[in-house]
Amino acid sequence: MKFSLSIAVAALASVVAATGSCTSLRPVYSQCGGVQYTGCTQCVTTATCTFINDYYSQCYPKPQ
């Protein structure tokens, strides 16, 4: 039981590390993803994170 709990905690920690923890959402036109990008990947509610290329994603305004 103790072993499987350790595995579950390790798996959860890796998910949190992979998704990052956002203390504040990315503003419009800021970087939100890409290879080796370690910041927040979530944009403000008026924008969406748009893939540009493997190395860069940017928060673009949502269509109105």
N, C-alpha and C. Protein backbone atom coordinates (compact mmCIF):
# COMPACT_ATOMS: atom_id res chain seq x y z
N MET A 1 0.83 -1.19 0.00
CA MET A 1 0.00 0.00 0.00
C MET A 1 0.87 1.25 0.00
N LYS A 2 1.88 1.26 0.86
CA LYS A 2 2.76 2.42 0.95
C LYS A 2 3.48 2.65 -0.37
N PHE A 3 3.90 1.57 -1.03
CA PHE A 3 4.60 1.67 -2.30
C PHE A 3 3.71 2.28 -3.38
N SER A 4 2.46 1.83 -3.49
CA SER A 4 1.57 2.36 -4.52
C SER A 4 1.21 3.82 -4.25
N LEU A 5 1.15 4.22 -2.99
CA LEU A 5 0.90 5.62 -2.66
C LEU A 5 2.08 6.48 -3.11
N SER A 6 3.29 5.97 -2.94
CA SER A 6 4.48 6.69 -3.38
C SER A 6 4.47 6.88 -4.89
N ILE A 7 4.06 5.86 -5.62
CA ILE A 7 3.97 5.96 -7.07
C ILE A 7 2.93 6.99 -7.47
N ALA A 8 1.79 7.01 -6.81
CA ALA A 8 0.74 7.97 -7.12
C ALA A 8 1.21 9.40 -6.86
N VAL A 9 1.91 9.62 -5.76
CA VAL A 9 2.43 10.95 -5.44
C VAL A 9 3.47 11.37 -6.48
N ALA A 10 4.34 10.47 -6.88
CA ALA A 10 5.36 10.78 -7.88
C ALA A 10 4.71 11.11 -9.22
N ALA A 11 3.67 10.38 -9.59
CA ALA A 11 2.97 10.64 -10.85
C ALA A 11 2.30 12.01 -10.82
N LEU A 12 1.68 12.34 -9.72
CA LEU A 12 1.03 13.64 -9.59
C LEU A 12 2.06 14.76 -9.64
N ALA A 13 3.19 14.58 -9.02
CA ALA A 13 4.25 15.59 -9.03
C ALA A 13 4.76 15.81 -10.45
N SER A 14 4.88 14.75 -11.24
CA SER A 14 5.35 14.91 -12.61
C SER A 14 4.33 15.63 -13.47
N VAL A 15 3.05 15.42 -13.23
CA VAL A 15 2.01 16.12 -13.98
C VAL A 15 2.04 17.60 -13.64
N VAL A 16 2.17 17.93 -12.37
CA VAL A 16 2.24 19.33 -11.96
C VAL A 16 3.47 19.99 -12.55
N ALA A 17 4.59 19.30 -12.55
CA ALA A 17 5.81 19.86 -13.12
C ALA A 17 5.68 20.07 -14.62
N ALA A 18 5.01 19.15 -15.30
CA ALA A 18 4.86 19.25 -16.76
C ALA A 18 3.93 20.39 -17.15
N THR A 19 2.88 20.61 -16.39
CA THR A 19 1.93 21.65 -16.75
C THR A 19 2.31 22.99 -16.15
N GLY A 20 3.21 23.00 -15.18
CA GLY A 20 3.60 24.24 -14.52
C GLY A 20 2.50 24.73 -13.62
N SER A 21 2.85 25.62 -12.75
CA SER A 21 1.82 26.20 -11.91
C SER A 21 1.76 27.68 -12.24
N CYS A 22 0.61 28.11 -12.64
CA CYS A 22 0.43 29.50 -13.05
C CYS A 22 0.01 30.34 -11.85
N THR A 23 0.82 31.33 -11.55
CA THR A 23 0.43 32.27 -10.51
C THR A 23 -0.34 33.43 -11.13
N SER A 24 -0.12 33.66 -12.42
CA SER A 24 -0.90 34.67 -13.14
C SER A 24 -1.00 34.25 -14.60
N LEU A 25 -2.12 34.53 -15.22
CA LEU A 25 -2.34 34.15 -16.62
C LEU A 25 -1.53 35.05 -17.54
N ARG A 26 -1.17 34.51 -18.69
CA ARG A 26 -0.38 35.25 -19.66
C ARG A 26 -1.25 36.30 -20.35
N PRO A 27 -0.75 37.52 -20.51
CA PRO A 27 -1.52 38.56 -21.19
C PRO A 27 -1.54 38.34 -22.70
N VAL A 28 -2.42 39.05 -23.37
CA VAL A 28 -2.54 38.98 -24.83
C VAL A 28 -1.19 39.32 -25.47
N TYR A 29 -0.83 38.58 -26.51
CA TYR A 29 0.39 38.72 -27.31
C TYR A 29 1.67 38.29 -26.58
N SER A 30 1.54 37.61 -25.45
CA SER A 30 2.74 37.12 -24.78
C SER A 30 2.95 35.64 -25.12
N GLN A 31 4.16 35.15 -24.88
CA GLN A 31 4.47 33.75 -25.14
C GLN A 31 3.75 32.87 -24.14
N CYS A 32 3.21 31.75 -24.63
CA CYS A 32 2.49 30.82 -23.75
C CYS A 32 2.90 29.37 -23.99
N GLY A 33 3.93 29.14 -24.78
CA GLY A 33 4.36 27.77 -25.00
C GLY A 33 5.52 27.69 -25.97
N GLY A 34 6.03 26.48 -26.14
CA GLY A 34 7.13 26.21 -27.05
C GLY A 34 8.17 25.34 -26.39
N VAL A 35 9.05 24.78 -27.21
CA VAL A 35 10.12 23.93 -26.72
C VAL A 35 10.97 24.73 -25.74
N GLN A 36 11.23 24.16 -24.61
CA GLN A 36 12.03 24.73 -23.51
C GLN A 36 11.37 25.92 -22.83
N TYR A 37 10.13 26.25 -23.17
CA TYR A 37 9.41 27.30 -22.47
C TYR A 37 8.94 26.74 -21.14
N THR A 38 9.20 27.43 -20.06
CA THR A 38 8.87 26.91 -18.73
C THR A 38 7.84 27.75 -17.99
N GLY A 39 7.33 28.79 -18.63
CA GLY A 39 6.37 29.66 -17.96
C GLY A 39 4.95 29.12 -18.03
N CYS A 40 4.03 29.95 -17.62
CA CYS A 40 2.61 29.61 -17.62
C CYS A 40 2.13 29.42 -19.06
N THR A 41 1.28 28.44 -19.27
CA THR A 41 0.76 28.16 -20.62
C THR A 41 -0.71 28.55 -20.75
N GLN A 42 -1.22 29.26 -19.77
CA GLN A 42 -2.63 29.66 -19.80
C GLN A 42 -2.73 31.15 -20.05
N CYS A 43 -3.59 31.53 -21.01
CA CYS A 43 -3.79 32.93 -21.35
C CYS A 43 -4.97 33.50 -20.57
N VAL A 44 -5.05 34.83 -20.53
CA VAL A 44 -6.22 35.49 -19.93
C VAL A 44 -7.46 35.02 -20.68
N THR A 45 -8.63 35.21 -20.09
CA THR A 45 -9.86 34.66 -20.65
C THR A 45 -10.22 35.26 -22.01
N THR A 46 -9.68 36.42 -22.35
CA THR A 46 -9.99 37.04 -23.64
C THR A 46 -9.04 36.60 -24.75
N ALA A 47 -8.13 35.66 -24.43
CA ALA A 47 -7.15 35.20 -25.42
C ALA A 47 -7.05 33.69 -25.39
N THR A 48 -6.45 33.15 -26.45
CA THR A 48 -6.21 31.72 -26.54
C THR A 48 -4.76 31.48 -26.95
N CYS A 49 -4.14 30.46 -26.38
CA CYS A 49 -2.76 30.13 -26.71
C CYS A 49 -2.72 29.46 -28.08
N THR A 50 -2.07 30.12 -29.03
CA THR A 50 -2.05 29.67 -30.42
C THR A 50 -0.66 29.18 -30.81
N PHE A 51 -0.60 27.96 -31.34
CA PHE A 51 0.66 27.36 -31.79
C PHE A 51 1.18 28.12 -33.00
N ILE A 52 2.43 28.57 -32.95
CA ILE A 52 3.08 29.22 -34.08
C ILE A 52 4.05 28.24 -34.73
N ASN A 53 4.95 27.70 -33.92
CA ASN A 53 5.87 26.66 -34.36
C ASN A 53 6.32 25.89 -33.11
N ASP A 54 7.19 24.91 -33.29
CA ASP A 54 7.60 24.08 -32.15
C ASP A 54 8.21 24.90 -31.01
N TYR A 55 8.77 26.05 -31.33
CA TYR A 55 9.49 26.83 -30.34
C TYR A 55 8.72 28.02 -29.79
N TYR A 56 7.52 28.27 -30.32
CA TYR A 56 6.80 29.47 -29.89
C TYR A 56 5.29 29.32 -30.05
N SER A 57 4.57 29.61 -28.99
CA SER A 57 3.11 29.74 -29.01
C SER A 57 2.80 31.09 -28.37
N GLN A 58 1.75 31.75 -28.84
CA GLN A 58 1.45 33.10 -28.38
C GLN A 58 -0.02 33.25 -28.06
N CYS A 59 -0.31 34.08 -27.05
CA CYS A 59 -1.70 34.39 -26.67
C CYS A 59 -2.27 35.39 -27.67
N TYR A 60 -3.25 34.94 -28.45
CA TYR A 60 -3.93 35.82 -29.41
C TYR A 60 -5.33 36.10 -28.91
N PRO A 61 -5.82 37.32 -29.18
CA PRO A 61 -7.19 37.65 -28.75
C PRO A 61 -8.20 36.70 -29.39
N LYS A 62 -9.22 36.34 -28.63
CA LYS A 62 -10.30 35.51 -29.17
C LYS A 62 -11.16 36.38 -30.08
N PRO A 63 -11.68 35.80 -31.17
CA PRO A 63 -12.58 36.57 -32.04
C PRO A 63 -13.82 36.99 -31.25
N GLN A 64 -14.32 38.16 -31.58
CA GLN A 64 -15.50 38.64 -30.86
C GLN A 64 -16.77 38.27 -31.55
